[in-house]
Structures are given as structure tokens and as C-alpha cells.
Amino acid sequence: LVAVFTALLFSECYDEASELVEEGLEIVRARGSEVHFAMCSAMRSCVGLRRGALADAEEDARAALIAAPLQAHGFYGMFALASLLESLVERGRVEEAEAELERIGVPRRPSAATYGALIHARGRLRFAQGRIDDALEDFQAAGRHFLRGDCTTPSAAPWRSGAALAQLALGRREAAQALAKDEVECASQLGAQRALGLALRAHGVITGGEDGLALLDTSVRALESSQASLELARSLAELGAALRRCGRRA
């Protein structure tokens, strides 16, 4: 179940991934396994987050952490905590996200692949808090964790674009450009439109000017063919802001 779900999630086949999780939940309800309920709820939270259904993602993540609290530092628990943190950060509930992170904590010596997703989520929280150096450190740590496991796809987590925007905020445009270009190349090879749209958006913001406008416009078009409504809204906002800066207010 987990291997198939992960393949569907990274390929952005969200309808199929949701159907698989619902089948799993039906079996779990019949057998009454709290651990497997937590597993399915954590997976469903990931789908909700990527689709932009933030309230659903938060609800499922909390359900997973409540159902199997002793598994919070395990494979599914870290997946659930990552979704919880990101769903809260996306809605500006930064203090609440920090409180949940402090309450549950982060494992010291992780081996599970989902540790990368959790550290990436913590990086997004640190960025939202204005702790840019800490955010960059987390994005890079997430990247190292994924790459050690031969996971190069930005569909796992867009850590390169996160690190790129952190580098930009620190005034390191050249390093930011290199990371953004790398993510665009990786996402292009994958062919998943959400991942590509995120990568193009970061690249466009960093590039700026007319070239940046073209990248942001391509980001919008990629996301229009995805199910990532929240990311589409963000790219549209960035494109509008860039057009305004270029004097194209109409």
C-alpha cells in the first residue's frame, strides 16, 4: 500500500492515491487497527496538502497523531507532522505550528525517508518566522537526506526551491539561481505539473525582469493543468506582482 501510494503521490495521481487510501481505511475500520488508521490518515493528509485542501490536511494529520501517538517519530508520524506544520504555516498559524513542533519534537537519528519531508516542513516554518539562516539549514538538510536515499525528485519535497528563496533572501542571488535551475531540470524530467510549477515560480521570482515574467507565466500554465489550486493561486499572485513591477498594470 505505502509503495503504491508514494508512487501515485509523487506522480501527482491524486485521485488514484485518494482511492487507494479510502480502500485502506475501509479495511482498517473493519479490523480496528489504530496504527494502520494513523498510517492511512497520514497519507490522506499528504494528498489534501498537495491539493490545497488545508483544513482536510490538518484534520487528517491530527487524527493520525492522536490515533498512534507512540508512532509520532516513526515513518507515518513524521509524514503527519510534516503535513500538520505545512497546513498551519500556509494559513498563517505560525505560533501554533511552532507549539506543535515543540510538543512532538523531531527525532535525533532518523532513518525513515519521511524525515526529509519533516525537516523540509520545519524549514518552511522557519522561513515564515523570518529565521532565514535556520530555514536554509533545514532545506539543505532535507536535501541531503533525500539524496542519500537516491530520491532526487522534487515531488518528494521542493527543498531546492526553498533553499533558493532562502539564499535570495540572504542576498546570494547566484547560489539561488543555481538551485532554482536545478529544480526546474529535475521537475522537467519528472513531468509532474505541480512540481514543475513550483520550480518555475521560484526560478521566476529569483530571475526577475522579462525573463522572470516568462518563467512565472509558464509556472501558471503548468499549475493550471494540475490539481494544486493553492499553488496556482500563489503563482498567479507572483505573476501579477511581477507584471506590476514591470509597469504592466492593466
C-alpha atoms as a PDB file:
ATOM      1  CA  LEU A   1       0.000   0.000   0.000  1.00  0.00           C
ATOM      2  CA  VAL A   2       2.674   2.506   1.037  1.00  0.00           C
ATOM      3  CA  ALA A   3       4.891   1.907  -2.009  1.00  0.00           C
ATOM      4  CA  VAL A   4       1.996   2.252  -4.439  1.00  0.00           C
ATOM      5  CA  PHE A   5       0.671   5.322  -2.628  1.00  0.00           C
ATOM      6  CA  THR A   6       4.083   7.004  -2.711  1.00  0.00           C
ATOM      7  CA  ALA A   7       4.434   6.340  -6.438  1.00  0.00           C
ATOM      8  CA  LEU A   8       0.986   7.811  -7.077  1.00  0.00           C
ATOM      9  CA  LEU A   9       1.667  10.807  -4.826  1.00  0.00           C
ATOM     10  CA  PHE A  10       4.985  11.648  -6.480  1.00  0.00           C
ATOM     11  CA  SER A  11       3.411  11.186  -9.918  1.00  0.00           C
ATOM     12  CA  GLU A  12       0.629  13.571  -8.852  1.00  0.00           C
ATOM     13  CA  CYS A  13      -2.085  10.995  -9.482  1.00  0.00           C
ATOM     14  CA  TYR A  14      -4.081  12.352  -6.555  1.00  0.00           C
ATOM     15  CA  ASP A  15      -7.437  10.803  -7.449  1.00  0.00           C
ATOM     16  CA  GLU A  16      -5.905   7.337  -7.619  1.00  0.00           C
ATOM     17  CA  ALA A  17      -3.933   7.923  -4.413  1.00  0.00           C
ATOM     18  CA  SER A  18      -7.109   9.018  -2.620  1.00  0.00           C
ATOM     19  CA  GLU A  19      -8.988   5.947  -3.805  1.00  0.00           C
ATOM     20  CA  LEU A  20      -6.199   3.720  -2.523  1.00  0.00           C
ATOM     21  CA  VAL A  21      -6.235   5.393   0.904  1.00  0.00           C
ATOM     22  CA  GLU A  22     -10.024   5.106   1.165  1.00  0.00           C
ATOM     23  CA  GLU A  23      -9.779   1.392   0.420  1.00  0.00           C
ATOM     24  CA  GLY A  24      -7.177   1.112   3.159  1.00  0.00           C
ATOM     25  CA  LEU A  25      -9.387   2.985   5.629  1.00  0.00           C
ATOM     26  CA  GLU A  26     -12.298   0.636   4.936  1.00  0.00           C
ATOM     27  CA  ILE A  27     -10.100  -2.337   5.827  1.00  0.00           C
ATOM     28  CA  VAL A  28      -8.765  -0.546   8.911  1.00  0.00           C
ATOM     29  CA  ARG A  29     -12.250   0.285  10.191  1.00  0.00           C
ATOM     30  CA  ALA A  30     -13.247  -3.353   9.859  1.00  0.00           C
ATOM     31  CA  ARG A  31     -10.177  -4.563  11.751  1.00  0.00           C
ATOM     32  CA  GLY A  32      -9.811  -1.736  14.254  1.00  0.00           C
ATOM     33  CA  SER A  33      -6.078  -1.131  13.928  1.00  0.00           C
ATOM     34  CA  GLU A  34      -5.102   2.278  15.360  1.00  0.00           C
ATOM     35  CA  VAL A  35      -1.622   2.138  13.838  1.00  0.00           C
ATOM     36  CA  HIS A  36      -2.940   1.443  10.363  1.00  0.00           C
ATOM     37  CA  PHE A  37      -5.611   4.107  10.798  1.00  0.00           C
ATOM     38  CA  ALA A  38      -2.797   6.546  11.592  1.00  0.00           C
ATOM     39  CA  MET A  39      -0.926   5.360   8.506  1.00  0.00           C
ATOM     40  CA  CYS A  40      -3.879   5.949   6.177  1.00  0.00           C
ATOM     41  CA  SER A  41      -4.776   9.268   7.800  1.00  0.00           C
ATOM     42  CA  ALA A  42      -1.192  10.494   7.400  1.00  0.00           C
ATOM     43  CA  MET A  43      -1.213   9.540   3.742  1.00  0.00           C
ATOM     44  CA  ARG A  44      -4.558  11.237   3.173  1.00  0.00           C
ATOM     45  CA  SER A  45      -3.227  14.395   4.828  1.00  0.00           C
ATOM     46  CA  CYS A  46      -0.437  14.483   2.244  1.00  0.00           C
ATOM     47  CA  VAL A  47      -2.902  14.365  -0.630  1.00  0.00           C
ATOM     48  CA  GLY A  48      -5.013  17.105   0.930  1.00  0.00           C
ATOM     49  CA  LEU A  49      -1.999  19.338   1.424  1.00  0.00           C
ATOM     50  CA  ARG A  50      -0.830  18.972  -2.170  1.00  0.00           C
ATOM     51  CA  ARG A  51      -4.295  19.689  -3.496  1.00  0.00           C
ATOM     52  CA  GLY A  52      -4.572  22.787  -1.314  1.00  0.00           C
ATOM     53  CA  ALA A  53      -7.294  21.364   0.964  1.00  0.00           C
ATOM     54  CA  LEU A  54      -5.575  22.707   4.073  1.00  0.00           C
ATOM     55  CA  ALA A  55      -8.339  22.117   6.625  1.00  0.00           C
ATOM     56  CA  ASP A  56      -8.682  18.496   5.499  1.00  0.00           C
ATOM     57  CA  ALA A  57      -4.920  18.029   5.632  1.00  0.00           C
ATOM     58  CA  GLU A  58      -4.778  19.403   9.176  1.00  0.00           C
ATOM     59  CA  GLU A  59      -7.689  17.229  10.326  1.00  0.00           C
ATOM     60  CA  ASP A  60      -6.172  14.044   8.922  1.00  0.00           C
ATOM     61  CA  ALA A  61      -2.704  14.851  10.278  1.00  0.00           C
ATOM     62  CA  ARG A  62      -4.081  15.450  13.773  1.00  0.00           C
ATOM     63  CA  ALA A  63      -6.138  12.252  13.575  1.00  0.00           C
ATOM     64  CA  ALA A  64      -3.003  10.269  12.716  1.00  0.00           C
ATOM     65  CA  LEU A  65      -1.001  11.759  15.595  1.00  0.00           C
ATOM     66  CA  ILE A  66      -3.837  11.194  18.080  1.00  0.00           C
ATOM     67  CA  ALA A  67      -4.552   7.625  16.967  1.00  0.00           C
ATOM     68  CA  ALA A  68      -0.966   6.437  17.351  1.00  0.00           C
ATOM     69  CA  PRO A  69       0.953   8.965  19.494  1.00  0.00           C
ATOM     70  CA  LEU A  70       3.788   6.497  20.147  1.00  0.00           C
ATOM     71  CA  GLN A  71       4.425   6.419  16.391  1.00  0.00           C
ATOM     72  CA  ALA A  72       4.965  10.192  16.154  1.00  0.00           C
ATOM     73  CA  HIS A  73       8.668   9.733  15.376  1.00  0.00           C
ATOM     74  CA  GLY A  74       8.060   6.805  13.054  1.00  0.00           C
ATOM     75  CA  PHE A  75       7.541   6.693   9.305  1.00  0.00           C
ATOM     76  CA  TYR A  76       3.881   7.749   9.295  1.00  0.00           C
ATOM     77  CA  GLY A  77       4.125  10.084  12.272  1.00  0.00           C
ATOM     78  CA  MET A  78       6.755  12.243  10.607  1.00  0.00           C
ATOM     79  CA  PHE A  79       4.623  12.352   7.448  1.00  0.00           C
ATOM     80  CA  ALA A  80       1.647  13.502   9.537  1.00  0.00           C
ATOM     81  CA  LEU A  81       3.635  16.112  11.472  1.00  0.00           C
ATOM     82  CA  ALA A  82       5.085  17.489   8.234  1.00  0.00           C
ATOM     83  CA  SER A  83       1.573  17.896   6.797  1.00  0.00           C
ATOM     84  CA  LEU A  84       0.338  19.467  10.021  1.00  0.00           C
ATOM     85  CA  LEU A  85       3.143  22.023  10.106  1.00  0.00           C
ATOM     86  CA  GLU A  86       2.721  22.996   6.459  1.00  0.00           C
ATOM     87  CA  SER A  87      -1.076  23.245   6.665  1.00  0.00           C
ATOM     88  CA  LEU A  88      -0.753  25.584   9.658  1.00  0.00           C
ATOM     89  CA  VAL A  89       2.013  27.696   8.108  1.00  0.00           C
ATOM     90  CA  GLU A  90       0.011  28.088   4.891  1.00  0.00           C
ATOM     91  CA  ARG A  91      -2.790  29.738   6.906  1.00  0.00           C
ATOM     92  CA  GLY A  92      -0.532  31.984   8.936  1.00  0.00           C
ATOM     93  CA  ARG A  93      -0.840  29.978  12.154  1.00  0.00           C
ATOM     94  CA  VAL A  94       2.894  30.092  12.719  1.00  0.00           C
ATOM     95  CA  GLU A  95       2.853  30.170  16.520  1.00  0.00           C
ATOM     96  CA  GLU A  96       0.561  27.148  16.613  1.00  0.00           C
ATOM     97  CA  ALA A  97       2.858  25.284  14.224  1.00  0.00           C
ATOM     98  CA  GLU A  98       5.847  26.062  16.460  1.00  0.00           C
ATOM     99  CA  ALA A  99       3.922  24.822  19.507  1.00  0.00           C
ATOM    100  CA  GLU A 100       3.082  21.535  17.793  1.00  0.00           C
ATOM    101  CA  LEU A 101       6.691  21.100  16.714  1.00  0.00           C
ATOM    102  CA  GLU A 102       7.922  21.674  20.264  1.00  0.00           C
ATOM    103  CA  ARG A 103       5.283  19.343  21.704  1.00  0.00           C
ATOM    104  CA  ILE A 104       6.009  16.422  19.391  1.00  0.00           C
ATOM    105  CA  GLY A 105       9.662  17.092  18.628  1.00  0.00           C
ATOM    106  CA  VAL A 106      11.963  15.821  15.898  1.00  0.00           C
ATOM    107  CA  PRO A 107      13.880  12.513  16.094  1.00  0.00           C
ATOM    108  CA  ARG A 108      17.631  12.892  16.561  1.00  0.00           C
ATOM    109  CA  ARG A 109      18.873   9.990  14.458  1.00  0.00           C
ATOM    110  CA  PRO A 110      16.355   9.440  11.692  1.00  0.00           C
ATOM    111  CA  SER A 111      16.478   6.763   9.046  1.00  0.00           C
ATOM    112  CA  ALA A 112      12.960   6.912   7.604  1.00  0.00           C
ATOM    113  CA  ALA A 113      12.528   8.625   4.261  1.00  0.00           C
ATOM    114  CA  THR A 114       9.798  10.818   5.732  1.00  0.00           C
ATOM    115  CA  TYR A 115      12.350  12.605   7.914  1.00  0.00           C
ATOM    116  CA  GLY A 116      13.247  14.669   4.850  1.00  0.00           C
ATOM    117  CA  ALA A 117       9.633  15.811   4.496  1.00  0.00           C
ATOM    118  CA  LEU A 118       9.526  16.773   8.168  1.00  0.00           C
ATOM    119  CA  ILE A 119      12.753  18.779   8.056  1.00  0.00           C
ATOM    120  CA  HIS A 120      11.559  20.495   4.882  1.00  0.00           C
ATOM    121  CA  ALA A 121       8.316  21.430   6.666  1.00  0.00           C
ATOM    122  CA  ARG A 122      10.319  22.814   9.574  1.00  0.00           C
ATOM    123  CA  GLY A 123      12.299  24.853   7.045  1.00  0.00           C
ATOM    124  CA  ARG A 124       9.086  26.385   5.744  1.00  0.00           C
ATOM    125  CA  LEU A 125       8.109  27.250   9.308  1.00  0.00           C
ATOM    126  CA  ARG A 126      11.490  28.862   9.973  1.00  0.00           C
ATOM    127  CA  PHE A 127      11.183  30.871   6.735  1.00  0.00           C
ATOM    128  CA  ALA A 128       7.742  32.105   7.783  1.00  0.00           C
ATOM    129  CA  GLN A 129       9.227  33.123  11.134  1.00  0.00           C
ATOM    130  CA  GLY A 130      11.917  35.165   9.391  1.00  0.00           C
ATOM    131  CA  ARG A 131      14.644  32.810  10.600  1.00  0.00           C
ATOM    132  CA  ILE A 132      16.198  32.593   7.154  1.00  0.00           C
ATOM    133  CA  ASP A 133      19.545  31.044   8.136  1.00  0.00           C
ATOM    134  CA  ASP A 134      17.747  28.288  10.049  1.00  0.00           C
ATOM    135  CA  ALA A 135      15.363  27.771   7.128  1.00  0.00           C
ATOM    136  CA  LEU A 136      18.256  27.390   4.701  1.00  0.00           C
ATOM    137  CA  GLU A 137      19.933  24.888   7.003  1.00  0.00           C
ATOM    138  CA  ASP A 138      16.747  22.809   7.173  1.00  0.00           C
ATOM    139  CA  PHE A 139      16.147  22.878   3.417  1.00  0.00           C
ATOM    140  CA  GLN A 140      19.719  21.756   2.787  1.00  0.00           C
ATOM    141  CA  ALA A 141      19.478  19.051   5.468  1.00  0.00           C
ATOM    142  CA  ALA A 142      16.268  17.766   3.868  1.00  0.00           C
ATOM    143  CA  GLY A 143      18.009  17.671   0.502  1.00  0.00           C
ATOM    144  CA  ARG A 144      20.951  15.717   1.878  1.00  0.00           C
ATOM    145  CA  HIS A 145      18.564  13.217   3.466  1.00  0.00           C
ATOM    146  CA  PHE A 146      16.630  12.683   0.231  1.00  0.00           C
ATOM    147  CA  LEU A 147      19.770  12.389  -1.886  1.00  0.00           C
ATOM    148  CA  ARG A 148      21.301   9.817   0.476  1.00  0.00           C
ATOM    149  CA  GLY A 149      18.300   7.668  -0.346  1.00  0.00           C
ATOM    150  CA  ASP A 150      18.640   8.330  -4.100  1.00  0.00           C
ATOM    151  CA  CYS A 151      15.445  10.374  -4.012  1.00  0.00           C
ATOM    152  CA  THR A 152      16.085  13.206  -6.468  1.00  0.00           C
ATOM    153  CA  THR A 153      12.516  14.083  -7.411  1.00  0.00           C
ATOM    154  CA  PRO A 154      11.192  17.474  -6.249  1.00  0.00           C
ATOM    155  CA  SER A 155       7.825  15.772  -5.828  1.00  0.00           C
ATOM    156  CA  ALA A 156       9.140  14.391  -2.528  1.00  0.00           C
ATOM    157  CA  ALA A 157       9.659  17.979  -1.316  1.00  0.00           C
ATOM    158  CA  PRO A 158      10.739  21.103  -3.212  1.00  0.00           C
ATOM    159  CA  TRP A 159      13.771  21.626  -0.988  1.00  0.00           C
ATOM    160  CA  ARG A 160      15.864  23.160  -3.774  1.00  0.00           C
ATOM    161  CA  SER A 161      13.423  25.999  -4.415  1.00  0.00           C
ATOM    162  CA  GLY A 162      13.022  26.503  -0.679  1.00  0.00           C
ATOM    163  CA  ALA A 163      16.783  26.790  -0.305  1.00  0.00           C
ATOM    164  CA  ALA A 164      16.934  29.026  -3.392  1.00  0.00           C
ATOM    165  CA  LEU A 165      14.452  31.517  -1.963  1.00  0.00           C
ATOM    166  CA  ALA A 166      16.316  31.468   1.342  1.00  0.00           C
ATOM    167  CA  GLN A 167      19.574  32.194  -0.480  1.00  0.00           C
ATOM    168  CA  LEU A 168      17.862  35.047  -2.310  1.00  0.00           C
ATOM    169  CA  ALA A 169      16.623  36.482   0.986  1.00  0.00           C
ATOM    170  CA  LEU A 170      20.214  36.359   2.240  1.00  0.00           C
ATOM    171  CA  GLY A 171      21.431  38.275  -0.822  1.00  0.00           C
ATOM    172  CA  ARG A 172      23.084  35.316  -2.551  1.00  0.00           C
ATOM    173  CA  ARG A 173      21.442  35.532  -5.974  1.00  0.00           C
ATOM    174  CA  GLU A 174      23.973  33.362  -7.823  1.00  0.00           C
ATOM    175  CA  ALA A 175      23.551  30.450  -5.416  1.00  0.00           C
ATOM    176  CA  ALA A 176      19.780  30.936  -5.558  1.00  0.00           C
ATOM    177  CA  GLN A 177      19.786  30.790  -9.365  1.00  0.00           C
ATOM    178  CA  ALA A 178      21.780  27.552  -9.403  1.00  0.00           C
ATOM    179  CA  LEU A 179      19.384  25.810  -7.026  1.00  0.00           C
ATOM    180  CA  ALA A 180      16.298  27.066  -8.869  1.00  0.00           C
ATOM    181  CA  LYS A 181      17.625  25.916 -12.254  1.00  0.00           C
ATOM    182  CA  ASP A 182      18.461  22.508 -10.812  1.00  0.00           C
ATOM    183  CA  GLU A 183      14.922  22.052  -9.535  1.00  0.00           C
ATOM    184  CA  VAL A 184      13.406  23.088 -12.864  1.00  0.00           C
ATOM    185  CA  GLU A 185      15.557  20.490 -14.627  1.00  0.00           C
ATOM    186  CA  CYS A 186      14.602  17.742 -12.157  1.00  0.00           C
ATOM    187  CA  ALA A 187      10.911  18.627 -12.347  1.00  0.00           C
ATOM    188  CA  SER A 188      11.003  18.725 -16.155  1.00  0.00           C
ATOM    189  CA  GLN A 189      12.396  15.196 -16.241  1.00  0.00           C
ATOM    190  CA  LEU A 190       9.615  14.011 -13.931  1.00  0.00           C
ATOM    191  CA  GLY A 191       6.844  15.659 -15.920  1.00  0.00           C
ATOM    192  CA  ALA A 192       4.641  16.301 -12.859  1.00  0.00           C
ATOM    193  CA  GLN A 193       2.933  19.679 -13.287  1.00  0.00           C
ATOM    194  CA  ARG A 194       2.734  20.716  -9.625  1.00  0.00           C
ATOM    195  CA  ALA A 195       6.419  20.084  -9.071  1.00  0.00           C
ATOM    196  CA  LEU A 196       7.265  21.900 -12.297  1.00  0.00           C
ATOM    197  CA  GLY A 197       5.042  24.849 -11.466  1.00  0.00           C
ATOM    198  CA  LEU A 198       6.669  25.310  -8.045  1.00  0.00           C
ATOM    199  CA  ALA A 199      10.152  25.122  -9.524  1.00  0.00           C
ATOM    200  CA  LEU A 200       9.354  27.594 -12.301  1.00  0.00           C
ATOM    201  CA  ARG A 201       7.812  30.013  -9.820  1.00  0.00           C
ATOM    202  CA  ALA A 202      10.918  30.105  -7.642  1.00  0.00           C
ATOM    203  CA  HIS A 203      13.111  30.472 -10.721  1.00  0.00           C
ATOM    204  CA  GLY A 204      10.933  33.308 -11.994  1.00  0.00           C
ATOM    205  CA  VAL A 205      10.945  35.193  -8.697  1.00  0.00           C
ATOM    206  CA  ILE A 206      14.727  34.910  -8.465  1.00  0.00           C
ATOM    207  CA  THR A 207      15.350  35.836 -12.114  1.00  0.00           C
ATOM    208  CA  GLY A 208      13.094  38.893 -12.241  1.00  0.00           C
ATOM    209  CA  GLY A 209      12.533  41.183 -15.226  1.00  0.00           C
ATOM    210  CA  GLU A 210      11.065  39.991 -18.518  1.00  0.00           C
ATOM    211  CA  ASP A 211      12.784  36.605 -18.259  1.00  0.00           C
ATOM    212  CA  GLY A 212      11.264  36.156 -14.837  1.00  0.00           C
ATOM    213  CA  LEU A 213       7.840  37.061 -16.203  1.00  0.00           C
ATOM    214  CA  ALA A 214       8.121  34.344 -18.825  1.00  0.00           C
ATOM    215  CA  LEU A 215       9.047  31.779 -16.173  1.00  0.00           C
ATOM    216  CA  LEU A 216       6.155  32.828 -13.939  1.00  0.00           C
ATOM    217  CA  ASP A 217       3.737  32.666 -16.861  1.00  0.00           C
ATOM    218  CA  THR A 218       4.941  29.128 -17.616  1.00  0.00           C
ATOM    219  CA  SER A 219       4.515  28.271 -13.938  1.00  0.00           C
ATOM    220  CA  VAL A 220       0.878  29.365 -14.080  1.00  0.00           C
ATOM    221  CA  ARG A 221       0.221  27.326 -17.206  1.00  0.00           C
ATOM    222  CA  ALA A 222       1.806  24.234 -15.641  1.00  0.00           C
ATOM    223  CA  LEU A 223      -0.272  24.566 -12.485  1.00  0.00           C
ATOM    224  CA  GLU A 224      -3.467  25.167 -14.433  1.00  0.00           C
ATOM    225  CA  SER A 225      -3.153  21.584 -15.664  1.00  0.00           C
ATOM    226  CA  SER A 226      -2.599  20.240 -12.135  1.00  0.00           C
ATOM    227  CA  GLN A 227      -4.889  19.783  -9.137  1.00  0.00           C
ATOM    228  CA  ALA A 228      -2.771  22.116  -6.985  1.00  0.00           C
ATOM    229  CA  SER A 229      -5.218  25.006  -6.570  1.00  0.00           C
ATOM    230  CA  LEU A 230      -3.281  26.714  -3.778  1.00  0.00           C
ATOM    231  CA  GLU A 231      -0.014  26.675  -5.718  1.00  0.00           C
ATOM    232  CA  LEU A 232      -1.808  28.012  -8.790  1.00  0.00           C
ATOM    233  CA  ALA A 233      -3.142  30.913  -6.727  1.00  0.00           C
ATOM    234  CA  ARG A 234       0.357  31.637  -5.426  1.00  0.00           C
ATOM    235  CA  SER A 235       1.873  31.643  -8.912  1.00  0.00           C
ATOM    236  CA  LEU A 236      -0.897  33.915 -10.198  1.00  0.00           C
ATOM    237  CA  ALA A 237      -0.187  36.320  -7.342  1.00  0.00           C
ATOM    238  CA  GLU A 238       3.541  36.298  -8.073  1.00  0.00           C
ATOM    239  CA  LEU A 239       2.875  36.849 -11.786  1.00  0.00           C
ATOM    240  CA  GLY A 240       0.560  39.763 -11.037  1.00  0.00           C
ATOM    241  CA  ALA A 241       3.134  41.341  -8.721  1.00  0.00           C
ATOM    242  CA  ALA A 242       5.864  40.916 -11.336  1.00  0.00           C
ATOM    243  CA  LEU A 243       3.694  42.490 -14.039  1.00  0.00           C
ATOM    244  CA  ARG A 244       3.040  45.444 -11.760  1.00  0.00           C
ATOM    245  CA  ARG A 245       6.743  45.901 -11.096  1.00  0.00           C
ATOM    246  CA  CYS A 246       7.343  45.931 -14.859  1.00  0.00           C
ATOM    247  CA  GLY A 247       4.750  48.692 -15.279  1.00  0.00           C
ATOM    248  CA  ARG A 248       2.144  46.453 -16.927  1.00  0.00           C
ATOM    249  CA  ARG A 249      -0.659  47.289 -14.518  1.00  0.00           C
ATOM    250  CA  ALA A 250      -3.555  46.572 -16.868  1.00  0.00           C
END
